């Protein structure tokens, strides 16, 4: 298999494996990355394994593992990685559609509000990665008709529970924070609780379906 990846330093004792190749997000590559992450997690000398969108960061103990050896391990692992058969958990998340962007978002795409809601709720999403903020899910599987650039001017406080889209991805805000993604609705689903043994509710590889709890027109 051709070397279709880049490995770069990500600080002392960390490497980033990037398999995006400068192209659009690829589900097949992500499935292989998750399998590679599973194979590395908990191994001697490896402190953390963090999947991103078509990339994987591995933090390791440089006193236990030589950086060059870790690079070779990542490269070899990627070349032989096959999509994992591990089944993630399935989640159904109720959404009250509405909010500050829904109407304008629909109009900008030449769609009605009902068409946007139907397309958004009709998809089956895969949790590609957790990142950006505690528990934030990057969801692949958005209907291509809803893909649109992020807002030119980000909001300084997008509320916790906001159901959002940006580019070709969907997401949910786990906390109130700045974001340039478009707000399509709101959910009471808890994404992150620091008091739990596993604080993040969603994990990479899980699937998500949105259930229409109401539509504000």
N, C-alpha and C. Protein backbone atom coordinates (compact mmCIF):
# COMPACT_ATOMS: atom_id res chain seq x y z
N UNK A 1 0.85 -1.18 0.00
CA UNK A 1 0.00 0.00 0.00
C UNK A 1 0.89 1.25 0.00
N UNK A 2 0.56 2.21 -0.80
CA UNK A 2 1.34 3.43 -0.90
C UNK A 2 1.28 4.19 0.43
N UNK A 3 2.34 5.00 0.66
CA UNK A 3 2.37 5.82 1.87
C UNK A 3 1.42 6.99 1.70
N UNK A 4 0.19 6.82 2.14
CA UNK A 4 -0.85 7.84 2.00
C UNK A 4 -1.09 8.51 3.34
N UNK A 5 -0.01 8.82 4.06
CA UNK A 5 -0.14 9.41 5.38
C UNK A 5 1.07 10.29 5.67
N UNK A 6 0.92 11.12 6.70
CA UNK A 6 2.01 11.95 7.21
C UNK A 6 2.07 11.77 8.71
N UNK A 7 3.27 11.58 9.25
CA UNK A 7 3.47 11.51 10.70
C UNK A 7 4.31 12.72 11.10
N UNK A 8 3.82 13.47 12.07
CA UNK A 8 4.54 14.66 12.51
C UNK A 8 4.59 14.71 14.03
N UNK A 9 5.57 15.45 14.55
CA UNK A 9 5.66 15.64 16.00
C UNK A 9 4.49 16.48 16.48
N UNK A 10 3.99 16.13 17.67
CA UNK A 10 2.91 16.91 18.29
C UNK A 10 3.32 17.25 19.72
N UNK A 11 4.55 17.73 19.85
CA UNK A 11 5.09 18.04 21.17
C UNK A 11 5.96 16.90 21.66
N UNK A 12 6.55 17.10 22.82
CA UNK A 12 7.42 16.07 23.39
C UNK A 12 6.59 14.84 23.78
N UNK A 13 6.97 13.72 23.21
CA UNK A 13 6.27 12.48 23.55
C UNK A 13 4.92 12.33 22.91
N UNK A 14 4.73 12.91 21.72
CA UNK A 14 3.45 12.74 21.02
C UNK A 14 3.68 12.82 19.51
N UNK A 15 2.93 12.01 18.78
CA UNK A 15 2.99 12.00 17.32
C UNK A 15 1.58 12.09 16.76
N UNK A 16 1.47 12.74 15.60
CA UNK A 16 0.18 12.85 14.91
C UNK A 16 0.26 12.13 13.58
N UNK A 17 -0.60 11.14 13.41
CA UNK A 17 -0.74 10.42 12.15
C UNK A 17 -1.90 11.02 11.38
N UNK A 18 -1.61 11.62 10.23
CA UNK A 18 -2.63 12.28 9.41
C UNK A 18 -2.80 11.48 8.12
N UNK A 19 -4.02 10.96 7.90
CA UNK A 19 -4.27 10.15 6.71
C UNK A 19 -5.27 10.82 5.76
N UNK A 20 -5.57 12.11 6.02
CA UNK A 20 -6.56 12.81 5.20
C UNK A 20 -6.06 13.08 3.79
N UNK A 21 -4.76 13.27 3.64
CA UNK A 21 -4.20 13.53 2.32
C UNK A 21 -4.68 14.83 1.71
N UNK A 22 -5.15 15.76 2.54
CA UNK A 22 -5.63 17.03 2.02
C UNK A 22 -6.99 16.96 1.39
N UNK A 23 -7.65 15.80 1.44
CA UNK A 23 -8.95 15.64 0.81
C UNK A 23 -10.09 15.71 1.80
N UNK A 24 -11.27 15.38 1.32
CA UNK A 24 -12.46 15.39 2.17
C UNK A 24 -12.41 14.23 3.15
N UNK A 25 -13.16 14.35 4.23
CA UNK A 25 -13.23 13.30 5.23
C UNK A 25 -13.67 11.99 4.59
N UNK A 26 -13.02 10.91 4.97
CA UNK A 26 -13.28 9.60 4.38
C UNK A 26 -13.66 8.61 5.48
N UNK A 27 -14.86 8.02 5.39
CA UNK A 27 -15.36 7.10 6.41
C UNK A 27 -14.50 5.84 6.50
N UNK A 28 -14.05 5.33 5.37
CA UNK A 28 -13.25 4.12 5.38
C UNK A 28 -11.93 4.32 6.10
N UNK A 29 -11.28 5.44 5.84
CA UNK A 29 -10.02 5.74 6.53
C UNK A 29 -10.26 5.91 8.03
N UNK A 30 -11.40 6.54 8.38
CA UNK A 30 -11.68 6.74 9.80
C UNK A 30 -11.89 5.40 10.51
N UNK A 31 -12.56 4.47 9.85
CA UNK A 31 -12.78 3.15 10.45
C UNK A 31 -11.45 2.43 10.67
N UNK A 32 -10.53 2.58 9.74
CA UNK A 32 -9.20 1.98 9.91
C UNK A 32 -8.44 2.65 11.05
N UNK A 33 -8.57 3.98 11.15
CA UNK A 33 -7.90 4.70 12.24
C UNK A 33 -8.41 4.25 13.60
N UNK A 34 -9.73 4.06 13.71
CA UNK A 34 -10.30 3.62 14.98
C UNK A 34 -9.79 2.23 15.34
N UNK A 35 -9.64 1.37 14.34
CA UNK A 35 -9.09 0.04 14.60
C UNK A 35 -7.65 0.14 15.08
N UNK A 36 -6.87 1.02 14.45
CA UNK A 36 -5.49 1.23 14.87
C UNK A 36 -5.45 1.78 16.29
N UNK A 37 -6.34 2.74 16.59
CA UNK A 37 -6.40 3.30 17.94
C UNK A 37 -6.69 2.22 18.97
N UNK A 38 -7.63 1.33 18.66
CA UNK A 38 -7.96 0.24 19.58
C UNK A 38 -6.75 -0.66 19.84
N UNK A 39 -5.96 -0.89 18.80
CA UNK A 39 -4.81 -1.78 18.94
C UNK A 39 -3.69 -1.16 19.78
N UNK A 40 -3.64 0.18 19.83
CA UNK A 40 -2.59 0.86 20.56
C UNK A 40 -2.98 1.22 21.99
N UNK A 41 -4.26 1.40 22.23
CA UNK A 41 -4.73 1.86 23.54
C UNK A 41 -4.32 0.89 24.64
N UNK A 42 -3.70 1.42 25.68
CA UNK A 42 -3.33 0.60 26.82
C UNK A 42 -2.02 -0.15 26.68
N UNK A 43 -1.36 -0.01 25.52
CA UNK A 43 -0.09 -0.71 25.32
C UNK A 43 0.99 -0.10 26.21
N UNK A 44 1.98 -0.88 26.56
CA UNK A 44 3.07 -0.40 27.40
C UNK A 44 3.73 0.83 26.78
N UNK A 45 3.88 1.85 27.60
CA UNK A 45 4.57 3.06 27.15
C UNK A 45 3.69 4.06 26.44
N UNK A 46 2.45 3.69 26.10
CA UNK A 46 1.54 4.61 25.43
C UNK A 46 0.59 5.20 26.46
N UNK A 47 0.61 6.52 26.58
CA UNK A 47 -0.17 7.22 27.59
C UNK A 47 -1.60 7.53 27.15
N UNK A 48 -1.77 7.85 25.87
CA UNK A 48 -3.10 8.22 25.39
C UNK A 48 -3.17 8.07 23.88
N UNK A 49 -4.36 7.76 23.40
CA UNK A 49 -4.62 7.62 21.96
C UNK A 49 -5.88 8.41 21.67
N UNK A 50 -5.76 9.41 20.80
CA UNK A 50 -6.88 10.34 20.58
C UNK A 50 -7.22 10.40 19.09
N UNK A 51 -8.31 9.76 18.65
CA UNK A 51 -8.71 9.87 17.25
C UNK A 51 -9.25 11.27 16.94
N UNK A 52 -8.87 11.78 15.77
CA UNK A 52 -9.45 13.01 15.23
C UNK A 52 -10.14 12.71 13.91
N UNK A 53 -10.39 13.73 13.12
CA UNK A 53 -11.03 13.55 11.82
C UNK A 53 -9.98 13.14 10.80
N UNK A 54 -9.91 11.84 10.52
CA UNK A 54 -8.90 11.27 9.64
C UNK A 54 -7.47 11.52 10.13
N UNK A 55 -7.34 11.61 11.47
CA UNK A 55 -6.01 11.68 12.06
C UNK A 55 -6.04 11.01 13.44
N UNK A 56 -4.88 10.73 13.95
CA UNK A 56 -4.76 10.03 15.22
C UNK A 56 -3.54 10.56 15.96
N UNK A 57 -3.75 11.06 17.18
CA UNK A 57 -2.62 11.49 18.01
C UNK A 57 -2.32 10.42 19.05
N UNK A 58 -1.05 10.11 19.18
CA UNK A 58 -0.59 9.12 20.16
C UNK A 58 0.41 9.79 21.08
N UNK A 59 0.09 9.81 22.37
CA UNK A 59 1.02 10.32 23.38
C UNK A 59 1.72 9.13 24.02
N UNK A 60 3.04 9.20 24.14
CA UNK A 60 3.81 8.07 24.64
C UNK A 60 4.91 8.57 25.58
N UNK A 61 5.45 7.64 26.34
CA UNK A 61 6.53 7.94 27.26
C UNK A 61 7.86 7.81 26.52
N UNK A 62 8.54 8.93 26.23
CA UNK A 62 9.78 8.83 25.44
C UNK A 62 10.91 8.12 26.18
N UNK A 63 10.74 7.92 27.49
CA UNK A 63 11.74 7.16 28.23
C UNK A 63 11.52 5.66 28.08
N UNK A 64 10.31 5.30 27.66
CA UNK A 64 9.99 3.88 27.50
C UNK A 64 9.98 3.45 26.04
N UNK A 65 9.67 4.38 25.14
CA UNK A 65 9.59 4.07 23.71
C UNK A 65 10.39 5.11 22.93
N UNK A 66 11.28 4.66 22.09
CA UNK A 66 12.04 5.56 21.22
C UNK A 66 11.11 6.19 20.20
N UNK A 67 11.26 7.50 19.97
CA UNK A 67 10.37 8.21 19.04
C UNK A 67 10.42 7.62 17.64
N UNK A 68 11.60 7.23 17.19
CA UNK A 68 11.71 6.63 15.87
C UNK A 68 10.97 5.30 15.80
N UNK A 69 11.08 4.52 16.87
CA UNK A 69 10.37 3.24 16.91
C UNK A 69 8.86 3.47 16.93
N UNK A 70 8.42 4.53 17.62
CA UNK A 70 6.99 4.83 17.67
C UNK A 70 6.49 5.26 16.29
N UNK A 71 7.30 6.02 15.57
CA UNK A 71 6.93 6.41 14.21
C UNK A 71 6.77 5.18 13.32
N UNK A 72 7.71 4.27 13.40
CA UNK A 72 7.63 3.05 12.58
C UNK A 72 6.42 2.21 12.97
N UNK A 73 6.13 2.18 14.27
CA UNK A 73 4.97 1.42 14.73
C UNK A 73 3.67 2.00 14.18
N UNK A 74 3.57 3.32 14.17
CA UNK A 74 2.38 3.96 13.60
C UNK A 74 2.28 3.71 12.10
N UNK A 75 3.40 3.88 11.40
CA UNK A 75 3.39 3.69 9.95
C UNK A 75 3.01 2.25 9.58
N UNK A 76 3.65 1.30 10.24
CA UNK A 76 3.34 -0.10 9.95
C UNK A 76 1.90 -0.43 10.34
N UNK A 77 1.47 0.11 11.47
CA UNK A 77 0.10 -0.14 11.91
C UNK A 77 -0.93 0.38 10.93
N UNK A 78 -0.66 1.57 10.37
CA UNK A 78 -1.61 2.13 9.41
C UNK A 78 -1.64 1.31 8.13
N UNK A 79 -0.49 0.85 7.67
CA UNK A 79 -0.43 0.11 6.41
C UNK A 79 -1.24 -1.19 6.48
N UNK A 80 -1.29 -1.81 7.66
CA UNK A 80 -1.99 -3.09 7.76
C UNK A 80 -3.37 -2.97 8.40
N UNK A 81 -3.72 -1.76 8.82
CA UNK A 81 -4.98 -1.59 9.56
C UNK A 81 -6.18 -1.92 8.68
N UNK A 82 -7.11 -2.64 9.24
CA UNK A 82 -8.39 -2.93 8.59
C UNK A 82 -9.50 -2.39 9.47
N UNK A 83 -10.60 -2.01 8.85
CA UNK A 83 -11.73 -1.45 9.61
C UNK A 83 -12.16 -2.42 10.70
N UNK A 84 -12.31 -1.88 11.88
CA UNK A 84 -12.69 -2.71 13.03
C UNK A 84 -14.12 -3.20 12.91
N UNK A 85 -14.34 -4.41 13.38
CA UNK A 85 -15.70 -4.93 13.44
C UNK A 85 -16.41 -4.53 14.72
N UNK A 86 -15.70 -3.76 15.56
CA UNK A 86 -16.30 -3.33 16.84
C UNK A 86 -17.53 -2.48 16.58
N UNK A 87 -18.64 -2.84 17.19
CA UNK A 87 -19.87 -2.07 17.03
C UNK A 87 -19.98 -1.05 18.15
N UNK A 88 -20.13 0.22 17.76
CA UNK A 88 -20.34 1.26 18.75
C UNK A 88 -21.77 1.23 19.28
N UNK A 89 -22.02 2.02 20.29
CA UNK A 89 -23.37 2.10 20.85
C UNK A 89 -24.25 2.98 19.96
N UNK A 90 -25.54 2.70 19.96
CA UNK A 90 -26.51 3.49 19.19
C UNK A 90 -27.26 4.42 20.14
N UNK A 91 -27.40 5.67 19.73
CA UNK A 91 -28.06 6.68 20.56
C UNK A 91 -29.17 7.35 19.76
N UNK A 92 -30.29 7.57 20.40
CA UNK A 92 -31.36 8.38 19.82
C UNK A 92 -31.48 9.65 20.67
N UNK A 93 -31.41 10.80 19.99
CA UNK A 93 -31.34 12.07 20.70
C UNK A 93 -32.50 12.96 20.23
N UNK A 94 -33.37 13.31 21.17
CA UNK A 94 -34.53 14.15 20.84
C UNK A 94 -34.09 15.59 20.64
N UNK A 95 -34.61 16.21 19.58
CA UNK A 95 -34.24 17.58 19.23
C UNK A 95 -35.49 18.42 19.03
N UNK A 96 -35.53 19.58 19.69
CA UNK A 96 -36.54 20.60 19.40
C UNK A 96 -35.93 21.52 18.36
N UNK A 97 -36.41 21.41 17.13
CA UNK A 97 -35.83 22.20 16.04
C UNK A 97 -36.34 23.63 16.09
N UNK A 98 -35.44 24.57 15.81
CA UNK A 98 -35.76 25.99 15.84
C UNK A 98 -34.52 26.76 16.26
N UNK A 99 -34.70 28.00 16.66
CA UNK A 99 -33.56 28.79 17.10
C UNK A 99 -33.19 29.87 16.11
N UNK A 100 -32.05 30.51 16.32
CA UNK A 100 -31.73 31.73 15.57
C UNK A 100 -31.35 31.54 14.12
N UNK A 101 -30.98 30.32 13.72
CA UNK A 101 -30.45 30.13 12.36
C UNK A 101 -31.34 29.32 11.44
N UNK A 102 -32.29 28.58 11.97
CA UNK A 102 -32.97 27.57 11.17
C UNK A 102 -33.63 28.14 9.91
N UNK A 103 -34.37 29.22 10.06
CA UNK A 103 -35.07 29.78 8.90
C UNK A 103 -34.10 30.29 7.85
N UNK A 104 -33.13 31.10 8.27
CA UNK A 104 -32.17 31.65 7.31
C UNK A 104 -31.31 30.55 6.70
N UNK A 105 -30.97 29.55 7.50
CA UNK A 105 -30.19 28.42 7.00
C UNK A 105 -30.95 27.71 5.89
N UNK A 106 -32.23 27.44 6.13
CA UNK A 106 -33.06 26.78 5.13
C UNK A 106 -33.16 27.63 3.86
N UNK A 107 -33.42 28.92 4.03
CA UNK A 107 -33.58 29.81 2.88
C UNK A 107 -32.30 29.89 2.05
N UNK A 108 -31.15 29.88 2.72
CA UNK A 108 -29.88 29.98 1.99
C UNK A 108 -29.62 28.77 1.12
N UNK A 109 -30.24 27.65 1.47
CA UNK A 109 -30.07 26.41 0.70
C UNK A 109 -31.22 26.17 -0.28
N UNK A 110 -32.19 27.09 -0.29
CA UNK A 110 -33.35 26.92 -1.16
C UNK A 110 -34.28 25.82 -0.68
N UNK A 111 -34.28 25.57 0.63
CA UNK A 111 -35.12 24.54 1.21
C UNK A 111 -36.12 25.17 2.18
N UNK A 112 -37.19 24.44 2.47
CA UNK A 112 -38.10 24.87 3.52
C UNK A 112 -37.56 24.39 4.87
N UNK A 113 -38.07 24.96 5.95
CA UNK A 113 -37.68 24.52 7.28
C UNK A 113 -37.98 23.04 7.45
N UNK A 114 -39.14 22.60 6.99
CA UNK A 114 -39.51 21.19 7.14
C UNK A 114 -38.55 20.28 6.38
N UNK A 115 -38.10 20.74 5.20
CA UNK A 115 -37.16 19.92 4.43
C UNK A 115 -35.82 19.80 5.15
N UNK A 116 -35.35 20.90 5.75
CA UNK A 116 -34.10 20.85 6.50
C UNK A 116 -34.23 19.90 7.68
N UNK A 117 -35.32 20.02 8.43
CA UNK A 117 -35.53 19.15 9.59
C UNK A 117 -35.59 17.69 9.16
N UNK A 118 -36.33 17.41 8.08
CA UNK A 118 -36.46 16.03 7.61
C UNK A 118 -35.10 15.45 7.21
N UNK A 119 -34.30 16.25 6.51
CA UNK A 119 -33.00 15.76 6.08
C UNK A 119 -32.05 15.58 7.26
N UNK A 120 -32.08 16.53 8.17
CA UNK A 120 -31.18 16.45 9.33
C UNK A 120 -31.54 15.25 10.22
N UNK A 121 -32.82 15.07 10.47
CA UNK A 121 -33.27 13.98 11.35
C UNK A 121 -33.30 12.63 10.63
N UNK A 122 -33.23 12.65 9.31
CA UNK A 122 -33.31 11.40 8.56
C UNK A 122 -32.00 10.68 8.40
N UNK A 123 -30.90 11.33 8.77
CA UNK A 123 -29.58 10.72 8.59
C UNK A 123 -29.20 9.84 9.78
N UNK A 124 -28.35 8.89 9.52
CA UNK A 124 -27.71 8.11 10.59
C UNK A 124 -26.27 8.60 10.67
N UNK A 125 -25.92 9.16 11.82
CA UNK A 125 -24.61 9.77 11.99
C UNK A 125 -23.65 8.82 12.69
N UNK A 126 -22.39 8.95 12.37
CA UNK A 126 -21.33 8.22 13.05
C UNK A 126 -20.49 9.22 13.83
N UNK A 127 -20.20 8.90 15.08
CA UNK A 127 -19.29 9.73 15.86
C UNK A 127 -17.88 9.47 15.36
N UNK A 128 -17.37 10.43 14.58
CA UNK A 128 -16.04 10.25 13.99
C UNK A 128 -14.95 10.52 15.01
N UNK A 129 -15.20 11.51 15.89
CA UNK A 129 -14.19 11.89 16.87
C UNK A 129 -14.85 12.71 17.97
N UNK A 130 -14.19 12.77 19.11
CA UNK A 130 -14.59 13.63 20.22
C UNK A 130 -13.46 14.63 20.43
N UNK A 131 -13.78 15.92 20.44
CA UNK A 131 -12.71 16.89 20.60
C UNK A 131 -13.23 18.31 20.60
N UNK A 132 -12.31 19.27 20.48
CA UNK A 132 -12.58 20.71 20.46
C UNK A 132 -12.97 21.24 21.84
N UNK A 133 -13.85 20.54 22.53
CA UNK A 133 -14.24 20.85 23.90
C UNK A 133 -14.71 19.55 24.53
N UNK A 134 -14.79 19.47 25.86
CA UNK A 134 -15.12 18.18 26.50
C UNK A 134 -16.44 17.59 26.03
N UNK A 135 -16.36 16.41 25.42
CA UNK A 135 -17.55 15.69 24.99
C UNK A 135 -18.13 16.10 23.66
N UNK A 136 -17.50 17.05 22.95
CA UNK A 136 -18.07 17.51 21.68
C UNK A 136 -17.91 16.44 20.60
N UNK A 137 -19.04 16.00 19.97
CA UNK A 137 -18.94 14.98 18.94
C UNK A 137 -18.87 15.57 17.53
N UNK A 138 -17.88 15.16 16.78
CA UNK A 138 -17.87 15.45 15.35
C UNK A 138 -18.65 14.32 14.67
N UNK A 139 -19.77 14.66 14.08
CA UNK A 139 -20.67 13.66 13.52
C UNK A 139 -20.58 13.66 11.99
N UNK A 140 -20.17 12.54 11.43
CA UNK A 140 -20.19 12.38 9.97
C UNK A 140 -21.54 11.80 9.58
N UNK A 141 -21.89 11.94 8.29
CA UNK A 141 -23.15 11.40 7.80
C UNK A 141 -24.19 12.46 7.50
N UNK A 142 -23.83 13.75 7.63
CA UNK A 142 -24.77 14.82 7.32
C UNK A 142 -25.20 14.73 5.85
N UNK A 143 -26.50 14.92 5.60
CA UNK A 143 -27.01 14.96 4.23
C UNK A 143 -26.22 16.03 3.45
N UNK A 144 -25.62 15.68 2.31
CA UNK A 144 -24.83 16.67 1.56
C UNK A 144 -25.60 17.93 1.21
N UNK A 145 -26.93 17.83 1.10
CA UNK A 145 -27.72 19.02 0.78
C UNK A 145 -27.69 20.05 1.91
N UNK A 146 -27.27 19.64 3.11
CA UNK A 146 -27.21 20.55 4.25
C UNK A 146 -25.79 21.06 4.52
N UNK A 147 -24.84 20.61 3.74
CA UNK A 147 -23.46 21.06 3.94
C UNK A 147 -23.33 22.51 3.52
N UNK A 148 -22.79 23.34 4.40
CA UNK A 148 -22.66 24.76 4.11
C UNK A 148 -21.53 25.33 4.96
N UNK A 149 -20.82 26.36 4.46
CA UNK A 149 -19.72 26.93 5.25
C UNK A 149 -20.20 27.46 6.60
N UNK A 150 -19.29 27.52 7.53
CA UNK A 150 -19.62 28.07 8.84
C UNK A 150 -19.90 29.57 8.73
N UNK A 151 -20.49 30.12 9.75
CA UNK A 151 -20.81 31.53 9.79
C UNK A 151 -19.55 32.38 9.66
N UNK A 152 -19.66 33.49 8.91
CA UNK A 152 -18.51 34.38 8.76
C UNK A 152 -18.10 34.99 10.09
N UNK A 153 -19.07 35.23 10.97
CA UNK A 153 -18.81 35.80 12.29
C UNK A 153 -19.29 34.82 13.36
N UNK A 154 -18.37 34.13 14.03
CA UNK A 154 -18.79 33.18 15.07
C UNK A 154 -19.52 33.88 16.20
N UNK A 155 -20.42 33.15 16.82
CA UNK A 155 -21.08 33.65 18.04
C UNK A 155 -20.13 33.41 19.23
N UNK A 156 -20.20 34.29 20.19
CA UNK A 156 -19.34 34.17 21.36
C UNK A 156 -19.89 33.18 22.39
N UNK A 157 -21.19 32.90 22.31
CA UNK A 157 -21.77 31.99 23.29
C UNK A 157 -22.89 31.15 22.72
N UNK A 158 -22.53 30.07 22.02
CA UNK A 158 -23.54 29.13 21.54
C UNK A 158 -23.91 28.23 22.71
N UNK A 159 -25.21 28.14 23.04
CA UNK A 159 -25.60 27.50 24.30
C UNK A 159 -25.39 25.99 24.33
N UNK A 160 -25.16 25.51 25.52
CA UNK A 160 -25.10 24.06 25.77
C UNK A 160 -26.37 23.41 25.24
N UNK A 161 -26.22 22.30 24.53
CA UNK A 161 -27.36 21.59 23.97
C UNK A 161 -27.75 22.02 22.57
N UNK A 162 -27.09 23.06 22.04
CA UNK A 162 -27.40 23.48 20.68
C UNK A 162 -27.02 22.38 19.69
N UNK A 163 -27.93 22.08 18.78
CA UNK A 163 -27.70 21.09 17.72
C UNK A 163 -27.26 21.89 16.50
N UNK A 164 -26.07 21.60 16.00
CA UNK A 164 -25.42 22.50 15.05
C UNK A 164 -24.87 21.74 13.84
N UNK A 165 -24.65 22.50 12.76
CA UNK A 165 -23.97 21.97 11.58
C UNK A 165 -22.94 22.99 11.12
N UNK A 166 -21.86 22.47 10.56
CA UNK A 166 -20.81 23.33 10.03
C UNK A 166 -20.03 22.58 8.98
N UNK A 167 -19.92 23.15 7.78
CA UNK A 167 -19.29 22.42 6.69
C UNK A 167 -20.10 21.17 6.38
N UNK A 168 -19.44 20.03 6.35
CA UNK A 168 -20.13 18.77 6.07
C UNK A 168 -20.39 17.93 7.30
N UNK A 169 -20.33 18.56 8.49
CA UNK A 169 -20.46 17.81 9.72
C UNK A 169 -21.60 18.34 10.58
N UNK A 170 -22.08 17.50 11.47
CA UNK A 170 -23.07 17.90 12.48
C UNK A 170 -22.41 17.78 13.84
N UNK A 171 -23.04 18.43 14.83
CA UNK A 171 -22.49 18.36 16.17
C UNK A 171 -23.51 18.79 17.20
N UNK A 172 -23.14 18.70 18.46
CA UNK A 172 -23.97 19.13 19.58
C UNK A 172 -23.05 19.82 20.58
N UNK A 173 -23.47 20.97 21.09
CA UNK A 173 -22.64 21.69 22.04
C UNK A 173 -22.75 21.07 23.44
N UNK A 174 -21.64 20.62 24.03
CA UNK A 174 -21.69 20.05 25.38
C UNK A 174 -21.65 21.11 26.47
N UNK A 175 -21.18 22.29 26.12
CA UNK A 175 -21.11 23.42 27.03
C UNK A 175 -21.42 24.68 26.22
N UNK A 176 -21.67 25.78 26.90
CA UNK A 176 -21.83 27.06 26.21
C UNK A 176 -20.44 27.60 25.88
N UNK A 177 -20.21 27.88 24.59
CA UNK A 177 -18.88 28.28 24.14
C UNK A 177 -18.99 28.95 22.77
N UNK A 178 -17.95 29.66 22.33
CA UNK A 178 -17.96 30.26 21.00
C UNK A 178 -18.03 29.20 19.91
N UNK A 179 -18.72 29.52 18.81
CA UNK A 179 -18.79 28.60 17.67
C UNK A 179 -19.31 29.35 16.45
N UNK A 180 -18.84 28.95 15.29
CA UNK A 180 -19.33 29.51 14.04
C UNK A 180 -20.27 28.56 13.32
N UNK A 181 -20.65 27.46 13.97
CA UNK A 181 -21.57 26.51 13.35
C UNK A 181 -23.00 27.05 13.42
N UNK A 182 -23.84 26.58 12.53
CA UNK A 182 -25.24 27.04 12.45
C UNK A 182 -26.11 26.26 13.43
N UNK A 183 -26.96 26.97 14.17
CA UNK A 183 -27.82 26.35 15.17
C UNK A 183 -29.15 25.95 14.52
N UNK A 184 -29.46 24.66 14.57
CA UNK A 184 -30.71 24.16 13.99
C UNK A 184 -31.74 23.76 15.05
N UNK A 185 -31.32 23.62 16.29
CA UNK A 185 -32.26 23.20 17.32
C UNK A 185 -31.56 23.05 18.65
N UNK A 186 -32.23 22.37 19.56
CA UNK A 186 -31.71 22.20 20.92
C UNK A 186 -32.10 20.83 21.46
N UNK A 187 -31.20 20.26 22.29
CA UNK A 187 -31.49 18.99 22.95
C UNK A 187 -31.09 19.08 24.41
N UNK A 188 -31.76 18.30 25.25
CA UNK A 188 -31.40 18.21 26.67
C UNK A 188 -30.47 17.03 26.95
N UNK A 189 -30.04 16.35 25.90
CA UNK A 189 -29.16 15.19 26.02
C UNK A 189 -27.83 15.62 26.66
N UNK A 190 -27.39 14.91 27.70
CA UNK A 190 -26.14 15.25 28.39
C UNK A 190 -24.96 14.59 27.70
N UNK A 191 -24.04 15.41 27.23
CA UNK A 191 -22.88 14.91 26.50
C UNK A 191 -21.67 14.70 27.40
N UNK A 192 -21.61 15.43 28.50
CA UNK A 192 -20.40 15.37 29.33
C UNK A 192 -20.75 15.61 30.78
N UNK A 193 -20.24 14.73 31.64
CA UNK A 193 -20.44 14.87 33.08
C UNK A 193 -19.12 14.50 33.76
N UNK A 194 -18.38 15.49 34.29
CA UNK A 194 -17.06 15.20 34.86
C UNK A 194 -17.12 14.30 36.08
N UNK A 195 -18.29 14.09 36.65
CA UNK A 195 -18.41 13.27 37.85
C UNK A 195 -18.59 11.78 37.53
N UNK A 196 -18.78 11.45 36.26
CA UNK A 196 -18.93 10.05 35.89
C UNK A 196 -17.57 9.40 35.65
N UNK A 197 -17.51 8.09 35.78
CA UNK A 197 -16.27 7.36 35.51
C UNK A 197 -15.83 7.57 34.06
N UNK A 198 -16.80 7.57 33.14
CA UNK A 198 -16.53 7.89 31.73
C UNK A 198 -17.28 9.18 31.43
N UNK A 199 -16.62 10.33 31.54
CA UNK A 199 -17.32 11.62 31.46
C UNK A 199 -18.06 11.88 30.15
N UNK A 200 -17.49 11.46 29.02
CA UNK A 200 -18.11 11.70 27.72
C UNK A 200 -19.15 10.62 27.43
N UNK A 201 -20.37 11.04 27.06
CA UNK A 201 -21.44 10.08 26.78
C UNK A 201 -21.21 9.36 25.46
N UNK A 202 -20.80 10.12 24.45
CA UNK A 202 -20.57 9.54 23.13
C UNK A 202 -19.10 9.19 22.97
N UNK A 203 -18.86 8.16 22.16
CA UNK A 203 -17.50 7.74 21.87
C UNK A 203 -17.34 7.55 20.37
N UNK A 204 -16.11 7.71 19.89
CA UNK A 204 -15.84 7.47 18.48
C UNK A 204 -16.31 6.07 18.10
N UNK A 205 -17.04 5.98 16.99
CA UNK A 205 -17.59 4.70 16.54
C UNK A 205 -19.05 4.51 16.88
N UNK A 206 -19.57 5.31 17.81
CA UNK A 206 -21.00 5.25 18.13
C UNK A 206 -21.82 5.80 16.96
N UNK A 207 -23.11 5.47 16.93
CA UNK A 207 -24.02 6.04 15.95
C UNK A 207 -25.07 6.89 16.66
N UNK A 208 -25.56 7.88 15.94
CA UNK A 208 -26.55 8.81 16.48
C UNK A 208 -27.67 9.01 15.48
N UNK A 209 -28.89 8.97 15.99
CA UNK A 209 -30.06 9.37 15.20
C UNK A 209 -30.77 10.47 15.98
N UNK A 210 -31.18 11.52 15.26
CA UNK A 210 -31.92 12.60 15.89
C UNK A 210 -33.42 12.35 15.72
N UNK A 211 -34.16 12.51 16.81
CA UNK A 211 -35.60 12.32 16.84
C UNK A 211 -36.27 13.69 16.95
N UNK A 212 -37.23 13.96 16.09
CA UNK A 212 -37.89 15.26 16.08
C UNK A 212 -38.83 15.37 17.28
N UNK A 213 -38.52 16.28 18.19
CA UNK A 213 -39.36 16.50 19.36
C UNK A 213 -40.28 17.70 19.18
N UNK A 214 -40.09 18.43 18.09
CA UNK A 214 -40.91 19.60 17.80
C UNK A 214 -40.18 20.48 16.81
N UNK A 215 -40.94 21.34 16.13
CA UNK A 215 -40.36 22.26 15.14
C UNK A 215 -40.95 23.64 15.35
N UNK A 216 -40.10 24.61 15.59
CA UNK A 216 -40.51 26.00 15.70
C UNK A 216 -40.35 26.66 14.33
N UNK A 217 -41.43 27.11 13.76
CA UNK A 217 -41.37 27.69 12.42
C UNK A 217 -41.48 29.21 12.49
